[in-house]
Amino acid sequence: MTNVTQEIIVDIVAGQLRVPRTSLAVETPFYELGLDSLSGIRLLAALEERLGMELDPMLLLDFTSIETLAARLDQLKLDERSSHAETPVGDAGVRHASDKAGS
């Protein structure tokens, strides 16, 4: 099963590795795909920009494949949406990439 987040990650990783998107198996661990720690940091930076969220670099230690990282990011987006629905604007405690300039 694919989703938008998974497709974004596939695009970024394929670009970093300079391989066709179709050569990436989403369940394969990042290190087996050829990503090292520096590539992982670049992946997270690109995801922050594309998704508009600030991400913890430690995510890649727990979510080690395109498939598991996409599922976690989707869960974070859902959690953020429900937090915004329950919390008055300005009190959500969620930091967005667009908020960095105002910090």
PDB file of N, CA and C in Angstrom:
ATOM      1  N   MET A   1       0.843  -1.187   0.000  1.00  0.00           N
ATOM      2  CA  MET A   1       0.000   0.000   0.000  1.00  0.00           C
ATOM      3  C   MET A   1       0.882   1.244   0.000  1.00  0.00           C
ATOM      4  N   THR A   2       0.595   2.159  -0.859  1.00  0.00           N
ATOM      5  CA  THR A   2       1.374   3.396  -0.895  1.00  0.00           C
ATOM      6  C   THR A   2       0.499   4.559  -0.485  1.00  0.00           C
ATOM      7  N   ASN A   3       1.151   5.610  -0.059  1.00  0.00           N
ATOM      8  CA  ASN A   3       0.438   6.827   0.279  1.00  0.00           C
ATOM      9  C   ASN A   3       1.302   8.020  -0.131  1.00  0.00           C
ATOM     10  N   VAL A   4       0.781   9.187   0.034  1.00  0.00           N
ATOM     11  CA  VAL A   4       1.487  10.394  -0.395  1.00  0.00           C
ATOM     12  C   VAL A   4       2.811  10.549   0.343  1.00  0.00           C
ATOM     13  N   THR A   5       2.807  10.341   1.649  1.00  0.00           N
ATOM     14  CA  THR A   5       4.041  10.491   2.432  1.00  0.00           C
ATOM     15  C   THR A   5       5.091   9.498   1.959  1.00  0.00           C
ATOM     16  N   GLN A   6       4.679   8.286   1.721  1.00  0.00           N
ATOM     17  CA  GLN A   6       5.604   7.269   1.241  1.00  0.00           C
ATOM     18  C   GLN A   6       6.189   7.664  -0.114  1.00  0.00           C
ATOM     19  N   GLU A   7       5.360   8.187  -0.991  1.00  0.00           N
ATOM     20  CA  GLU A   7       5.825   8.623  -2.309  1.00  0.00           C
ATOM     21  C   GLU A   7       6.824   9.781  -2.197  1.00  0.00           C
ATOM     22  N   ILE A   8       6.594  10.686  -1.264  1.00  0.00           N
ATOM     23  CA  ILE A   8       7.527  11.794  -1.040  1.00  0.00           C
ATOM     24  C   ILE A   8       8.878  11.255  -0.596  1.00  0.00           C
ATOM     25  N   ILE A   9       8.860  10.313   0.339  1.00  0.00           N
ATOM     26  CA  ILE A   9      10.119   9.728   0.821  1.00  0.00           C
ATOM     27  C   ILE A   9      10.831   8.997  -0.313  1.00  0.00           C
ATOM     28  N   VAL A  10      10.085   8.238  -1.108  1.00  0.00           N
ATOM     29  CA  VAL A  10      10.680   7.526  -2.249  1.00  0.00           C
ATOM     30  C   VAL A  10      11.334   8.527  -3.203  1.00  0.00           C
ATOM     31  N   ASP A  11      10.644   9.623  -3.499  1.00  0.00           N
ATOM     32  CA  ASP A  11      11.211  10.655  -4.389  1.00  0.00           C
ATOM     33  C   ASP A  11      12.531  11.184  -3.848  1.00  0.00           C
ATOM     34  N   ILE A  12      12.548  11.515  -2.572  1.00  0.00           N
ATOM     35  CA  ILE A  12      13.756  12.090  -1.963  1.00  0.00           C
ATOM     36  C   ILE A  12      14.901  11.082  -1.960  1.00  0.00           C
ATOM     37  N   VAL A  13      14.618   9.865  -1.511  1.00  0.00           N
ATOM     38  CA  VAL A  13      15.664   8.842  -1.425  1.00  0.00           C
ATOM     39  C   VAL A  13      16.190   8.488  -2.822  1.00  0.00           C
ATOM     40  N   ALA A  14      15.305   8.329  -3.784  1.00  0.00           N
ATOM     41  CA  ALA A  14      15.742   8.023  -5.157  1.00  0.00           C
ATOM     42  C   ALA A  14      16.636   9.144  -5.689  1.00  0.00           C
ATOM     43  N   GLY A  15      16.275  10.381  -5.394  1.00  0.00           N
ATOM     44  CA  GLY A  15      17.106  11.514  -5.822  1.00  0.00           C
ATOM     45  C   GLY A  15      18.465  11.518  -5.150  1.00  0.00           C
ATOM     46  N   GLN A  16      18.489  11.239  -3.856  1.00  0.00           N
ATOM     47  CA  GLN A  16      19.757  11.206  -3.128  1.00  0.00           C
ATOM     48  C   GLN A  16      20.675  10.097  -3.635  1.00  0.00           C
ATOM     49  N   LEU A  17      20.089   8.946  -3.902  1.00  0.00           N
ATOM     50  CA  LEU A  17      20.885   7.797  -4.330  1.00  0.00           C
ATOM     51  C   LEU A  17      21.103   7.750  -5.840  1.00  0.00           C
ATOM     52  N   ARG A  18      20.388   8.627  -6.543  1.00  0.00           N
ATOM     53  CA  ARG A  18      20.453   8.672  -8.014  1.00  0.00           C
ATOM     54  C   ARG A  18      20.114   7.311  -8.627  1.00  0.00           C
ATOM     55  N   VAL A  19      18.966   6.798  -8.174  1.00  0.00           N
ATOM     56  CA  VAL A  19      18.467   5.522  -8.687  1.00  0.00           C
ATOM     57  C   VAL A  19      17.019   5.725  -9.104  1.00  0.00           C
ATOM     58  N   PRO A  20      16.500   4.854  -9.968  1.00  0.00           N
ATOM     59  CA  PRO A  20      15.076   4.945 -10.323  1.00  0.00           C
ATOM     60  C   PRO A  20      14.201   4.666  -9.106  1.00  0.00           C
ATOM     61  N   ARG A  21      13.090   5.373  -9.040  1.00  0.00           N
ATOM     62  CA  ARG A  21      12.133   5.178  -7.935  1.00  0.00           C
ATOM     63  C   ARG A  21      11.717   3.715  -7.822  1.00  0.00           C
ATOM     64  N   THR A  22      11.554   3.071  -8.963  1.00  0.00           N
ATOM     65  CA  THR A  22      11.069   1.687  -8.986  1.00  0.00           C
ATOM     66  C   THR A  22      12.081   0.696  -8.406  1.00  0.00           C
ATOM     67  N   SER A  23      13.328   1.118  -8.224  1.00  0.00           N
ATOM     68  CA  SER A  23      14.339   0.210  -7.675  1.00  0.00           C
ATOM     69  C   SER A  23      14.322   0.176  -6.146  1.00  0.00           C
ATOM     70  N   LEU A  24      13.505   1.029  -5.534  1.00  0.00           N
ATOM     71  CA  LEU A  24      13.470   1.104  -4.076  1.00  0.00           C
ATOM     72  C   LEU A  24      12.324   0.275  -3.506  1.00  0.00           C
ATOM     73  N   ALA A  25      12.660  -0.693  -2.681  1.00  0.00           N
ATOM     74  CA  ALA A  25      11.650  -1.477  -1.972  1.00  0.00           C
ATOM     75  C   ALA A  25      11.381  -0.769  -0.648  1.00  0.00           C
ATOM     76  N   VAL A  26      10.135  -0.374  -0.421  1.00  0.00           N
ATOM     77  CA  VAL A  26       9.809   0.459   0.734  1.00  0.00           C
ATOM     78  C   VAL A  26      10.029  -0.235   2.071  1.00  0.00           C
ATOM     79  N   GLU A  27      10.077  -1.553   2.081  1.00  0.00           N
ATOM     80  CA  GLU A  27      10.290  -2.271   3.339  1.00  0.00           C
ATOM     81  C   GLU A  27      11.772  -2.505   3.640  1.00  0.00           C
ATOM     82  N   THR A  28      12.652  -2.192   2.702  1.00  0.00           N
ATOM     83  CA  THR A  28      14.087  -2.395   2.885  1.00  0.00           C
ATOM     84  C   THR A  28      14.657  -1.322   3.808  1.00  0.00           C
ATOM     85  N   PRO A  29      15.467  -1.718   4.799  1.00  0.00           N
ATOM     86  CA  PRO A  29      16.075  -0.716   5.682  1.00  0.00           C
ATOM     87  C   PRO A  29      16.914   0.296   4.895  1.00  0.00           C
ATOM     88  N   PHE A  30      16.906   1.531   5.396  1.00  0.00           N
ATOM     89  CA  PHE A  30      17.635   2.605   4.717  1.00  0.00           C
ATOM     90  C   PHE A  30      19.097   2.249   4.477  1.00  0.00           C
ATOM     91  N   TYR A  31      19.751   1.630   5.472  1.00  0.00           N
ATOM     92  CA  TYR A  31      21.172   1.317   5.300  1.00  0.00           C
ATOM     93  C   TYR A  31      21.381   0.317   4.169  1.00  0.00           C
ATOM     94  N   GLU A  32      20.423  -0.601   3.955  1.00  0.00           N
ATOM     95  CA  GLU A  32      20.539  -1.553   2.851  1.00  0.00           C
ATOM     96  C   GLU A  32      20.299  -0.881   1.504  1.00  0.00           C
ATOM     97  N   LEU A  33      19.547   0.221   1.524  1.00  0.00           N
ATOM     98  CA  LEU A  33      19.340   0.986   0.290  1.00  0.00           C
ATOM     99  C   LEU A  33      20.582   1.789  -0.076  1.00  0.00           C
ATOM    100  N   GLY A  34      21.448   2.027   0.923  1.00  0.00           N
ATOM    101  CA  GLY A  34      22.666   2.790   0.676  1.00  0.00           C
ATOM    102  C   GLY A  34      22.709   4.135   1.368  1.00  0.00           C
ATOM    103  N   LEU A  35      21.732   4.424   2.238  1.00  0.00           N
ATOM    104  CA  LEU A  35      21.750   5.689   2.976  1.00  0.00           C
ATOM    105  C   LEU A  35      22.645   5.564   4.200  1.00  0.00           C
ATOM    106  N   ASP A  36      23.517   6.546   4.377  1.00  0.00           N
ATOM    107  CA  ASP A  36      24.334   6.601   5.580  1.00  0.00           C
ATOM    108  C   ASP A  36      23.763   7.683   6.495  1.00  0.00           C
ATOM    109  N   SER A  37      24.448   7.984   7.579  1.00  0.00           N
ATOM    110  CA  SER A  37      23.906   8.941   8.548  1.00  0.00           C
ATOM    111  C   SER A  37      23.761  10.341   7.950  1.00  0.00           C
ATOM    112  N   LEU A  38      24.706  10.765   7.141  1.00  0.00           N
ATOM    113  CA  LEU A  38      24.610  12.081   6.509  1.00  0.00           C
ATOM    114  C   LEU A  38      23.432  12.125   5.536  1.00  0.00           C
ATOM    115  N   SER A  39      23.244  11.073   4.777  1.00  0.00           N
ATOM    116  CA  SER A  39      22.093  10.990   3.870  1.00  0.00           C
ATOM    117  C   SER A  39      20.786  11.015   4.651  1.00  0.00           C
ATOM    118  N   GLY A  40      20.787  10.384   5.819  1.00  0.00           N
ATOM    119  CA  GLY A  40      19.602  10.379   6.661  1.00  0.00           C
ATOM    120  C   GLY A  40      19.238  11.778   7.141  1.00  0.00           C
ATOM    121  N   ILE A  41      20.248  12.547   7.532  1.00  0.00           N
ATOM    122  CA  ILE A  41      20.009  13.931   7.959  1.00  0.00           C
ATOM    123  C   ILE A  41      19.483  14.753   6.788  1.00  0.00           C
ATOM    124  N   ARG A  42      20.047  14.534   5.619  1.00  0.00           N
ATOM    125  CA  ARG A  42      19.553  15.235   4.424  1.00  0.00           C
ATOM    126  C   ARG A  42      18.118  14.834   4.091  1.00  0.00           C
ATOM    127  N   LEU A  43      17.800  13.566   4.278  1.00  0.00           N
ATOM    128  CA  LEU A  43      16.433  13.091   4.055  1.00  0.00           C
ATOM    129  C   LEU A  43      15.471  13.808   4.990  1.00  0.00           C
ATOM    130  N   LEU A  44      15.816  13.871   6.270  1.00  0.00           N
ATOM    131  CA  LEU A  44      14.941  14.540   7.234  1.00  0.00           C
ATOM    132  C   LEU A  44      14.794  16.030   6.927  1.00  0.00           C
ATOM    133  N   ALA A  45      15.874  16.678   6.517  1.00  0.00           N
ATOM    134  CA  ALA A  45      15.797  18.106   6.163  1.00  0.00           C
ATOM    135  C   ALA A  45      14.856  18.311   4.974  1.00  0.00           C
ATOM    136  N   ALA A  46      14.957  17.445   3.984  1.00  0.00           N
ATOM    137  CA  ALA A  46      14.080  17.540   2.813  1.00  0.00           C
ATOM    138  C   ALA A  46      12.625  17.267   3.204  1.00  0.00           C
ATOM    139  N   LEU A  47      12.421  16.312   4.103  1.00  0.00           N
ATOM    140  CA  LEU A  47      11.059  16.016   4.566  1.00  0.00           C
ATOM    141  C   LEU A  47      10.483  17.179   5.364  1.00  0.00           C
ATOM    142  N   GLU A  48      11.300  17.803   6.189  1.00  0.00           N
ATOM    143  CA  GLU A  48      10.834  18.972   6.943  1.00  0.00           C
ATOM    144  C   GLU A  48      10.343  20.053   5.991  1.00  0.00           C
ATOM    145  N   GLU A  49      11.106  20.267   4.935  1.00  0.00           N
ATOM    146  CA  GLU A  49      10.733  21.290   3.950  1.00  0.00           C
ATOM    147  C   GLU A  49       9.455  20.904   3.210  1.00  0.00           C
ATOM    148  N   ARG A  50       9.369  19.659   2.759  1.00  0.00           N
ATOM    149  CA  ARG A  50       8.208  19.209   1.979  1.00  0.00           C
ATOM    150  C   ARG A  50       6.940  19.096   2.810  1.00  0.00           C
ATOM    151  N   LEU A  51       7.086  18.670   4.065  1.00  0.00           N
ATOM    152  CA  LEU A  51       5.915  18.426   4.905  1.00  0.00           C
ATOM    153  C   LEU A  51       5.580  19.603   5.818  1.00  0.00           C
ATOM    154  N   GLY A  52       6.518  20.536   5.964  1.00  0.00           N
ATOM    155  CA  GLY A  52       6.279  21.697   6.814  1.00  0.00           C
ATOM    156  C   GLY A  52       6.234  21.358   8.295  1.00  0.00           C
ATOM    157  N   MET A  53       7.011  20.349   8.716  1.00  0.00           N
ATOM    158  CA  MET A  53       7.067  19.974  10.121  1.00  0.00           C
ATOM    159  C   MET A  53       8.523  19.816  10.541  1.00  0.00           C
ATOM    160  N   GLU A  54       8.778  20.076  11.796  1.00  0.00           N
ATOM    161  CA  GLU A  54      10.111  19.865  12.343  1.00  0.00           C
ATOM    162  C   GLU A  54      10.208  18.421  12.832  1.00  0.00           C
ATOM    163  N   LEU A  55      11.280  17.732  12.410  1.00  0.00           N
ATOM    164  CA  LEU A  55      11.415  16.310  12.725  1.00  0.00           C
ATOM    165  C   LEU A  55      12.637  16.051  13.591  1.00  0.00           C
ATOM    166  N   ASP A  56      12.499  15.128  14.495  1.00  0.00           N
ATOM    167  CA  ASP A  56      13.589  14.717  15.367  1.00  0.00           C
ATOM    168  C   ASP A  56      14.533  13.801  14.582  1.00  0.00           C
ATOM    169  N   PRO A  57      15.826  14.107  14.553  1.00  0.00           N
ATOM    170  CA  PRO A  57      16.778  13.255  13.829  1.00  0.00           C
ATOM    171  C   PRO A  57      16.796  11.807  14.321  1.00  0.00           C
ATOM    172  N   MET A  58      16.356  11.582  15.543  1.00  0.00           N
ATOM    173  CA  MET A  58      16.338  10.226  16.098  1.00  0.00           C
ATOM    174  C   MET A  58      15.259   9.343  15.462  1.00  0.00           C
ATOM    175  N   LEU A  59      14.353   9.943  14.693  1.00  0.00           N
ATOM    176  CA  LEU A  59      13.303   9.162  14.020  1.00  0.00           C
ATOM    177  C   LEU A  59      13.885   8.010  13.212  1.00  0.00           C
ATOM    178  N   LEU A  60      15.011   8.249  12.560  1.00  0.00           N
ATOM    179  CA  LEU A  60      15.576   7.229  11.675  1.00  0.00           C
ATOM    180  C   LEU A  60      16.166   6.042  12.428  1.00  0.00           C
ATOM    181  N   LEU A  61      16.366   6.192  13.730  1.00  0.00           N
ATOM    182  CA  LEU A  61      16.840   5.048  14.518  1.00  0.00           C
ATOM    183  C   LEU A  61      15.703   4.065  14.812  1.00  0.00           C
ATOM    184  N   ASP A  62      14.505   4.603  14.943  1.00  0.00           N
ATOM    185  CA  ASP A  62      13.350   3.755  15.256  1.00  0.00           C
ATOM    186  C   ASP A  62      12.539   3.349  14.025  1.00  0.00           C
ATOM    187  N   PHE A  63      12.554   4.186  13.021  1.00  0.00           N
ATOM    188  CA  PHE A  63      11.762   3.942  11.802  1.00  0.00           C
ATOM    189  C   PHE A  63      12.753   3.853  10.646  1.00  0.00           C
ATOM    190  N   THR A  64      13.171   2.630  10.360  1.00  0.00           N
ATOM    191  CA  THR A  64      14.369   2.400   9.560  1.00  0.00           C
ATOM    192  C   THR A  64      14.128   2.087   8.087  1.00  0.00           C
ATOM    193  N   SER A  65      12.883   2.228   7.648  1.00  0.00           N
ATOM    194  CA  SER A  65      12.596   1.990   6.225  1.00  0.00           C
ATOM    195  C   SER A  65      11.630   3.070   5.735  1.00  0.00           C
ATOM    196  N   ILE A  66      11.490   3.156   4.452  1.00  0.00           N
ATOM    197  CA  ILE A  66      10.540   4.105   3.867  1.00  0.00           C
ATOM    198  C   ILE A  66       9.146   3.825   4.402  1.00  0.00           C
ATOM    199  N   GLU A  67       8.780   2.566   4.442  1.00  0.00           N
ATOM    200  CA  GLU A  67       7.452   2.158   4.878  1.00  0.00           C
ATOM    201  C   GLU A  67       7.171   2.555   6.327  1.00  0.00           C
ATOM    202  N   THR A  68       8.102   2.249   7.231  1.00  0.00           N
ATOM    203  CA  THR A  68       7.860   2.546   8.646  1.00  0.00           C
ATOM    204  C   THR A  68       7.965   4.042   8.932  1.00  0.00           C
ATOM    205  N   LEU A  69       8.873   4.738   8.264  1.00  0.00           N
ATOM    206  CA  LEU A  69       8.992   6.182   8.457  1.00  0.00           C
ATOM    207  C   LEU A  69       7.738   6.891   7.956  1.00  0.00           C
ATOM    208  N   ALA A  70       7.224   6.490   6.808  1.00  0.00           N
ATOM    209  CA  ALA A  70       6.006   7.104   6.263  1.00  0.00           C
ATOM    210  C   ALA A  70       4.828   6.891   7.212  1.00  0.00           C
ATOM    211  N   ALA A  71       4.704   5.689   7.762  1.00  0.00           N
ATOM    212  CA  ALA A  71       3.609   5.420   8.698  1.00  0.00           C
ATOM    213  C   ALA A  71       3.732   6.303   9.938  1.00  0.00           C
ATOM    214  N   ARG A  72       4.942   6.467  10.451  1.00  0.00           N
ATOM    215  CA  ARG A  72       5.143   7.310  11.638  1.00  0.00           C
ATOM    216  C   ARG A  72       4.841   8.776  11.326  1.00  0.00           C
ATOM    217  N   LEU A  73       5.311   9.259  10.178  1.00  0.00           N
ATOM    218  CA  LEU A  73       5.049  10.656   9.816  1.00  0.00           C
ATOM    219  C   LEU A  73       3.557  10.898   9.631  1.00  0.00           C
ATOM    220  N   ASP A  74       2.857   9.948   9.046  1.00  0.00           N
ATOM    221  CA  ASP A  74       1.402  10.075   8.904  1.00  0.00           C
ATOM    222  C   ASP A  74       0.737  10.135  10.280  1.00  0.00           C
ATOM    223  N   GLN A  75       1.224   9.329  11.223  1.00  0.00           N
ATOM    224  CA  GLN A  75       0.671   9.357  12.580  1.00  0.00           C
ATOM    225  C   GLN A  75       0.953  10.704  13.248  1.00  0.00           C
ATOM    226  N   LEU A  76       2.150  11.233  13.059  1.00  0.00           N
ATOM    227  CA  LEU A  76       2.481  12.548  13.621  1.00  0.00           C
ATOM    228  C   LEU A  76       1.581  13.628  13.045  1.00  0.00           C
ATOM    229  N   LYS A  77       1.298  13.542  11.746  1.00  0.00           N
ATOM    230  CA  LYS A  77       0.409  14.535  11.123  1.00  0.00           C
ATOM    231  C   LYS A  77      -1.000  14.428  11.696  1.00  0.00           C
ATOM    232  N   LEU A  78      -1.485  13.199  11.900  1.00  0.00           N
ATOM    233  CA  LEU A  78      -2.808  13.014  12.504  1.00  0.00           C
ATOM    234  C   LEU A  78      -2.844  13.547  13.935  1.00  0.00           C
ATOM    235  N   ASP A  79      -1.795  13.248  14.699  1.00  0.00           N
ATOM    236  CA  ASP A  79      -1.721  13.729  16.075  1.00  0.00           C
ATOM    237  C   ASP A  79      -1.724  15.255  16.109  1.00  0.00           C
ATOM    238  N   GLU A  80      -0.996  15.855  15.185  1.00  0.00           N
ATOM    239  CA  GLU A  80      -0.922  17.315  15.126  1.00  0.00           C
ATOM    240  C   GLU A  80      -2.285  17.908  14.788  1.00  0.00           C
ATOM    241  N   ARG A  81      -2.975  17.296  13.839  1.00  0.00           N
ATOM    242  CA  ARG A  81      -4.307  17.785  13.465  1.00  0.00           C
ATOM    243  C   ARG A  81      -5.273  17.692  14.638  1.00  0.00           C
ATOM    244  N   SER A  82      -5.265  16.574  15.351  1.00  0.00           N
ATOM    245  CA  SER A  82      -6.178  16.435  16.477  1.00  0.00           C
ATOM    246  C   SER A  82      -5.794  17.390  17.599  1.00  0.00           C
ATOM    247  N   SER A  83      -4.517  17.666  17.754  1.00  0.00           N
ATOM    248  CA  SER A  83      -4.067  18.625  18.754  1.00  0.00           C
ATOM    249  C   SER A  83      -4.580  20.017  18.426  1.00  0.00           C
ATOM    250  N   HIS A  84      -4.539  20.379  17.155  1.00  0.00           N
ATOM    251  CA  HIS A  84      -5.041  21.687  16.730  1.00  0.00           C
ATOM    252  C   HIS A  84      -6.557  21.775  16.916  1.00  0.00           C
ATOM    253  N   ALA A  85      -7.255  20.674  16.724  1.00  0.00           N
ATOM    254  CA  ALA A  85      -8.712  20.684  16.865  1.00  0.00           C
ATOM    255  C   ALA A  85      -9.120  20.841  18.325  1.00  0.00           C
ATOM    256  N   GLU A  86      -8.283  20.332  19.240  1.00  0.00           N
ATOM    257  CA  GLU A  86      -8.626  20.359  20.654  1.00  0.00           C
ATOM    258  C   GLU A  86      -8.038  21.545  21.400  1.00  0.00           C
ATOM    259  N   THR A  87      -7.059  22.219  20.819  1.00  0.00           N
ATOM    260  CA  THR A  87      -6.318  23.263  21.507  1.00  0.00           C
ATOM    261  C   THR A  87      -6.538  24.597  20.819  1.00  0.00           C
ATOM    262  N   PRO A  88      -6.728  25.659  21.575  1.00  0.00           N
ATOM    263  CA  PRO A  88      -6.855  26.973  20.945  1.00  0.00           C
ATOM    264  C   PRO A  88      -5.609  27.313  20.135  1.00  0.00           C
ATOM    265  N   VAL A  89      -5.795  28.062  19.065  1.00  0.00           N
ATOM    266  CA  VAL A  89      -4.686  28.467  18.208  1.00  0.00           C
ATOM    267  C   VAL A  89      -3.631  29.166  19.057  1.00  0.00           C
ATOM    268  N   GLY A  90      -2.375  28.844  18.820  1.00  0.00           N
ATOM    269  CA  GLY A  90      -1.287  29.464  19.552  1.00  0.00           C
ATOM    270  C   GLY A  90      -0.834  28.656  20.760  1.00  0.00           C
ATOM    271  N   ASP A  91      -1.633  27.681  21.197  1.00  0.00           N
ATOM    272  CA  ASP A  91      -1.286  26.882  22.364  1.00  0.00           C
ATOM    273  C   ASP A  91      -0.997  25.426  22.021  1.00  0.00           C
ATOM    274  N   ALA A  92      -0.860  25.111  20.755  1.00  0.00           N
ATOM    275  CA  ALA A  92      -0.747  23.712  20.348  1.00  0.00           C
ATOM    276  C   ALA A  92       0.561  23.076  20.775  1.00  0.00           C
ATOM    277  N   GLY A  93       1.617  23.879  20.961  1.00  0.00           N
ATOM    278  CA  GLY A  93       2.904  23.315  21.339  1.00  0.00           C
ATOM    279  C   GLY A  93       3.585  22.583  20.215  1.00  0.00           C
ATOM    280  N   VAL A  94       3.048  22.693  19.014  1.00  0.00           N
ATOM    281  CA  VAL A  94       3.642  22.052  17.858  1.00  0.00           C
ATOM    282  C   VAL A  94       4.386  23.118  17.071  1.00  0.00           C
ATOM    283  N   ARG A  95       5.609  22.810  16.767  1.00  0.00           N
ATOM    284  CA  ARG A  95       6.431  23.764  16.051  1.00  0.00           C
ATOM    285  C   ARG A  95       6.432  23.409  14.573  1.00  0.00           C
ATOM    286  N   HIS A  96       6.083  24.340  13.747  1.00  0.00           N
ATOM    287  CA  HIS A  96       6.062  24.141  12.299  1.00  0.00           C
ATOM    288  C   HIS A  96       7.307  24.764  11.700  1.00  0.00           C
ATOM    289  N   ALA A  97       7.727  24.237  10.559  1.00  0.00           N
ATOM    290  CA  ALA A  97       8.895  24.785   9.884  1.00  0.00           C
ATOM    291  C   ALA A  97       8.690  26.265   9.593  1.00  0.00           C
ATOM    292  N   SER A  98       7.459  26.675   9.304  1.00  0.00           N
ATOM    293  CA  SER A  98       7.190  28.080   9.005  1.00  0.00           C
ATOM    294  C   SER A  98       7.328  28.962  10.239  1.00  0.00           C
ATOM    295  N   ASP A  99       7.319  28.353  11.444  1.00  0.00           N
ATOM    296  CA  ASP A  99       7.460  29.118  12.691  1.00  0.00           C
ATOM    297  C   ASP A  99       8.904  29.489  12.993  1.00  0.00           C
ATOM    298  N   LYS A 100       9.872  28.870  12.332  1.00  0.00           N
ATOM    299  CA  LYS A 100      11.279  29.083  12.639  1.00  0.00           C
ATOM    300  C   LYS A 100      11.667  30.549  12.492  1.00  0.00           C
ATOM    301  N   ALA A 101      11.145  31.209  11.474  1.00  0.00           N
ATOM    302  CA  ALA A 101      11.515  32.595  11.229  1.00  0.00           C
ATOM    303  C   ALA A 101      11.066  33.489  12.377  1.00  0.00           C
ATOM    304  N   GLY A 102       9.962  33.130  13.016  1.00  0.00           N
ATOM    305  CA  GLY A 102       9.430  33.953  14.097  1.00  0.00           C
ATOM    306  C   GLY A 102      10.079  33.671  15.441  1.00  0.00           C
ATOM    307  N   SER A 103      10.946  32.646  15.511  1.00  0.00           N
ATOM    308  CA  SER A 103      11.552  32.280  16.793  1.00  0.00           C
ATOM    309  C   SER A 103      12.668  33.195  17.165  1.00  0.00           C
TER     310      SER A 103
END
